[in-house]
Protein backbone atom coordinates (compact mmCIF):
# COMPACT_ATOMS: atom_id res chain seq x y z
CA MET A 1 8.80 21.29 2.97
CA THR A 2 7.37 18.91 0.38
CA ILE A 3 8.78 16.05 -1.65
CA GLN A 4 8.68 17.41 -5.17
CA GLU A 5 7.75 15.28 -8.15
CA VAL A 6 10.65 14.51 -10.49
CA ARG A 7 9.89 12.59 -13.66
CA PRO A 8 12.41 10.06 -15.01
CA THR A 9 14.84 11.92 -17.29
CA ARG A 10 17.43 10.78 -19.80
CA HIS A 11 20.96 11.75 -18.83
CA PRO A 12 24.52 11.41 -20.17
CA THR A 13 26.55 8.35 -19.22
CA ALA A 14 29.14 10.59 -17.56
CA GLU A 15 26.65 11.39 -14.82
CA LEU A 16 26.38 7.78 -13.69
CA ASP A 17 29.19 8.27 -11.17
CA THR A 18 26.73 10.16 -8.97
CA ALA A 19 25.06 7.56 -6.75
CA LEU A 20 22.32 9.69 -5.18
CA LEU A 21 21.05 13.04 -6.38
CA ALA A 22 18.65 15.69 -5.09
CA LEU A 23 18.25 14.35 -1.56
CA ARG A 24 15.24 15.70 0.35
CA THR A 25 14.12 14.59 3.81
CA VAL A 26 10.77 15.23 5.46
CA GLU A 27 8.93 13.98 8.54
CA GLY A 28 6.22 11.87 7.04
CA THR A 29 3.80 9.01 7.47
CA ALA A 30 4.21 6.03 5.17
CA LEU A 31 1.12 4.11 4.10
CA PHE A 32 1.75 0.80 2.32
CA ILE A 33 -1.23 -1.10 0.90
CA ASP A 34 -0.56 -4.57 -0.44
CA ALA A 35 -2.71 -7.19 -2.13
CA ARG A 36 -2.67 -10.42 -0.16
CA ALA A 37 -1.57 -13.61 -1.93
CA SER A 38 -0.87 -11.65 -5.12
CA SER A 39 1.19 -14.43 -6.74
CA GLN A 40 -1.67 -16.88 -6.22
CA ILE A 41 -4.14 -14.38 -7.68
CA VAL A 42 -1.99 -13.75 -10.77
CA TYR A 43 -1.60 -17.49 -11.38
CA PHE A 44 -5.34 -18.09 -10.92
CA VAL A 45 -6.40 -15.30 -13.32
CA GLU A 46 -3.76 -16.24 -15.91
CA THR A 47 -4.84 -19.88 -15.80
CA HIS A 48 -8.52 -19.09 -16.25
CA HIS A 49 -8.59 -15.88 -18.27
CA GLY A 50 -5.09 -15.21 -19.64
CA SER A 51 -2.17 -12.94 -18.82
CA GLN A 52 -3.85 -9.77 -20.10
CA ALA A 53 -6.72 -10.35 -17.70
CA ALA A 54 -4.26 -10.64 -14.79
CA ALA A 55 -2.69 -7.34 -15.82
CA GLN A 56 -6.17 -5.81 -16.06
CA VAL A 57 -7.04 -6.89 -12.51
CA PHE A 58 -3.91 -5.44 -10.95
CA THR A 59 -3.97 -2.28 -13.06
CA GLY A 60 -7.52 -1.72 -11.86
CA PHE A 61 -6.48 -2.36 -8.28
CA LEU A 62 -3.50 0.01 -8.35
CA ALA A 63 -5.35 2.78 -10.18
CA GLY A 64 -8.34 2.47 -7.85
CA CYS A 65 -6.13 2.67 -4.77
CA MET A 66 -4.26 5.75 -5.96
CA HIS A 67 -7.48 7.46 -6.99
CA ARG A 68 -8.69 7.19 -3.39
CA ILE A 69 -5.49 8.38 -1.71
CA THR A 70 -6.14 12.09 -1.96
CA GLY A 71 -5.87 15.29 0.06
CA SER A 72 -3.51 18.16 0.67
CA SER A 73 -1.28 16.09 2.97
CA VAL A 74 -0.44 13.52 0.26
CA ARG A 75 3.10 14.19 -0.98
CA GLU A 76 3.75 10.98 -2.89
CA CYS A 77 1.49 8.20 -4.13
CA ARG A 78 2.87 5.54 -6.42
CA PRO A 79 2.75 1.85 -7.30
CA SER A 80 5.33 -0.35 -5.62
CA GLY A 81 5.13 -3.66 -7.46
CA ASP A 82 1.65 -5.02 -6.76
CA ALA A 83 1.23 -2.56 -3.86
CA VAL A 84 0.78 1.18 -3.37
CA LEU A 85 3.05 3.43 -1.31
CA ALA A 86 1.91 6.87 -0.18
CA ILE A 87 3.68 9.50 1.93
CA PHE A 88 1.73 12.04 3.99
CA THR A 89 3.09 15.16 5.67
CA GLY A 90 1.68 17.77 8.04
CA PRO A 91 0.16 17.70 11.53
CA ALA A 92 -2.74 15.39 10.57
CA ARG A 93 -0.63 13.02 8.47
CA VAL A 94 -1.26 9.84 10.48
CA ARG A 95 -5.02 10.36 10.62
CA ASP A 96 -5.06 11.21 6.92
CA ALA A 97 -3.13 8.02 6.13
CA LEU A 98 -5.54 5.96 8.22
CA ASP A 99 -8.56 7.52 6.54
CA ALA A 100 -7.01 6.86 3.12
CA ALA A 101 -6.38 3.23 4.04
CA TRP A 102 -10.03 2.73 4.85
CA ARG A 103 -11.16 4.43 1.63
CA VAL A 104 -9.04 1.91 -0.27
CA ILE A 105 -10.38 -1.01 1.78
CA ARG A 106 -13.96 0.08 1.08
CA PHE A 107 -13.10 0.31 -2.62
CA VAL A 108 -11.68 -3.23 -2.68
CA HIS A 109 -14.63 -4.68 -0.75
CA ASP A 110 -17.25 -2.96 -2.89
CA GLU A 111 -16.49 -1.45 -6.29
CA PHE A 112 -13.39 -3.47 -7.14
CA ASP A 113 -15.00 -6.76 -6.11
CA LEU A 114 -18.06 -6.04 -8.26
CA THR A 115 -16.00 -4.98 -11.29
CA TYR A 116 -13.51 -7.86 -11.30
CA ARG A 117 -15.44 -10.72 -9.75
CA GLU A 118 -15.82 -12.49 -13.11
CA LEU A 119 -12.05 -12.43 -13.73
CA LEU A 120 -11.47 -13.75 -10.21
CA SER A 121 -13.86 -16.65 -10.80
CA CYS A 122 -13.28 -20.10 -12.30
CA ASN A 123 -14.63 -20.48 -15.84
CA GLY A 124 -13.82 -24.18 -16.11
CA ARG A 125 -10.76 -23.60 -18.26
CA CYS A 126 -8.46 -25.08 -15.63
CA GLY A 127 -10.18 -28.48 -15.80
CA ASP A 128 -9.90 -28.88 -12.05
CA ARG A 129 -13.12 -30.07 -10.44
CA ALA A 130 -11.78 -29.03 -7.04
CA CYS A 131 -11.17 -25.43 -8.15
CA ARG A 132 -12.28 -23.01 -5.46
CA GLY A 133 -14.66 -21.05 -7.69
CA THR A 134 -14.14 -17.40 -6.85
CA LEU A 135 -10.79 -16.29 -5.45
CA PRO A 136 -11.01 -13.67 -2.68
CA PHE A 137 -9.12 -10.42 -3.20
CA SER A 138 -8.18 -8.56 -0.04
CA VAL A 139 -5.54 -6.09 1.11
CA GLY A 140 -3.51 -5.27 4.18
CA ALA A 141 -2.35 -1.78 5.10
CA GLY A 142 0.66 -0.78 7.18
CA ILE A 143 1.37 2.66 8.65
CA ASP A 144 4.51 4.07 10.26
CA ASP A 145 5.83 7.57 10.87
CA GLY A 146 9.34 9.00 10.62
CA PRO A 147 11.91 10.65 8.34
CA VAL A 148 11.55 9.94 4.63
CA THR A 149 14.29 10.84 2.17
CA ALA A 150 13.51 11.22 -1.52
CA SER A 151 16.55 10.51 -3.66
CA THR A 152 17.13 10.39 -7.39
CA VAL A 153 19.03 7.29 -8.46
CA PRO A 154 20.72 7.21 -11.88
CA SER A 155 20.66 4.24 -14.24
CA PRO A 156 22.27 4.01 -17.69
CA ARG A 157 19.19 5.56 -19.32
CA HIS A 158 17.10 7.40 -16.74
CA PHE A 159 16.89 8.96 -13.31
CA TYR A 160 14.55 7.15 -10.93
CA ARG A 161 13.13 8.45 -7.67
CA GLU A 162 13.23 6.32 -4.55
CA LEU A 163 11.73 6.96 -1.12
CA VAL A 164 14.01 5.75 1.66
CA GLY A 165 13.30 5.51 5.37
CA SER A 166 12.78 2.92 8.05
CA CYS A 167 9.12 3.94 8.26
CA VAL A 168 8.67 2.96 4.59
CA SER A 169 10.19 -0.47 5.19
CA ILE A 170 8.23 -1.05 8.39
CA ALA A 171 4.94 0.06 6.82
CA ALA A 172 5.51 -2.51 4.06
CA LYS A 173 6.13 -5.26 6.63
CA LEU A 174 3.09 -4.19 8.67
CA SER A 175 0.84 -4.58 5.63
CA ASP A 176 1.53 -8.31 5.91
CA VAL A 177 0.81 -8.29 9.66
CA ALA A 178 -2.69 -6.85 9.23
CA ARG A 179 -5.30 -9.60 9.00
CA PRO A 180 -9.10 -9.39 8.72
CA PRO A 181 -11.05 -8.03 10.40
CA ASN A 182 -8.14 -5.80 11.50
CA ASP A 183 -7.06 -4.68 8.04
CA VAL A 184 -4.67 -1.91 9.18
CA ALA A 185 -1.59 -2.24 11.39
CA MET A 186 0.47 0.68 12.66
CA THR A 187 3.39 1.14 15.00
CA SER A 188 2.70 2.46 18.48
CA GLY A 189 4.78 5.54 17.60
CA ALA A 190 2.58 6.34 14.62
CA TYR A 191 -0.51 5.76 16.75
CA GLU A 192 0.68 8.25 19.37
CA CYS A 193 1.61 10.79 16.70
CA GLY A 194 -1.89 10.62 15.20
CA GLN A 195 -3.93 11.27 18.35
CA PRO A 196 -6.67 12.25 18.93
CA TYR A 197 -8.85 9.93 16.85
CA ASP A 198 -12.60 9.84 16.36
CA PRO A 199 -13.69 7.20 18.90
CA GLY A 200 -16.74 6.35 16.77
CA LEU A 201 -14.76 5.30 13.70
CA TYR A 202 -12.09 2.87 14.89
CA GLU A 203 -11.47 0.03 17.31
CA TRP A 204 -7.90 -0.50 18.51
CA TYR A 205 -6.17 -3.76 19.44
CA PRO A 206 -2.62 -3.45 20.87
CA SER A 207 -0.39 -6.41 20.14
CA MET A 208 3.20 -7.59 20.46
CA THR A 209 4.04 -8.72 16.93
CA ARG A 210 7.21 -9.79 15.18
CA VAL A 211 7.99 -7.24 12.48
CA GLY A 212 11.16 -7.62 10.46
CA GLY A 213 12.59 -10.13 12.91
CA ARG A 214 11.92 -8.02 16.03
CA LEU A 215 9.02 -7.98 18.48
CA GLN A 216 7.33 -4.60 18.37
CA HIS A 217 4.29 -2.91 19.87
CA VAL A 218 1.77 -2.83 17.03
CA ILE A 219 -1.71 -1.36 17.00
CA LEU A 220 -4.19 -3.35 14.93
CA THR A 221 -7.10 -1.25 13.74
CA ARG A 222 -10.64 -2.21 12.86
CA PHE A 223 -13.03 0.11 11.10
CA THR A 224 -16.48 0.17 12.71
CA GLU A 225 -18.45 0.85 9.51
CA PRO A 226 -20.64 -2.22 8.83
CA SER A 227 -19.84 -2.37 5.09
CA VAL A 228 -16.17 -3.07 5.80
CA SER A 229 -16.56 -5.58 8.63
């Protein structure tokens, strides 16, 4: 079963009494990729280059991420504020999510950094002699596995799709737990679901970490490719 794409649609006001429509639930892996310190980045770029430049940076980030989250197991891939949420299904869903996370991280470290370095750099407009020069742009990725329900939520003008599940919420929280050089964090349950892994690609670091107010077994992951270290 797949989560089908439903575009926002205008609907009569009389239909607003329906709280949730077209519920679909699948076993899936949630991948949440978030830009670190995004508020600080937006303020920095707006101060030095203007608000349109800040929008350009994050549009380029989101589009670049989604362009690299590909494959037959991808059932949803969408922006979520200044982050990207993707849902994978199928027997290889956890490994596919992990591979996608590292494609995005390579993109941010290489192509994105080269393209937007000027907009992430001080041009003297701020007048602050202590300005840090070039602001680093990095991401964290969180992965969890479990049931995901796609629901259609009505508003006065449109239907909007939402993806609901504890794995979605936990993946979002784990994206904040991941810290360089371990840029991906996943729950121990997702890790077990994804085995076996290629031992030459990843290094694993088990940890007890507070996630959403609770201590949980978390697996921090480091990619062994030199260009991402």
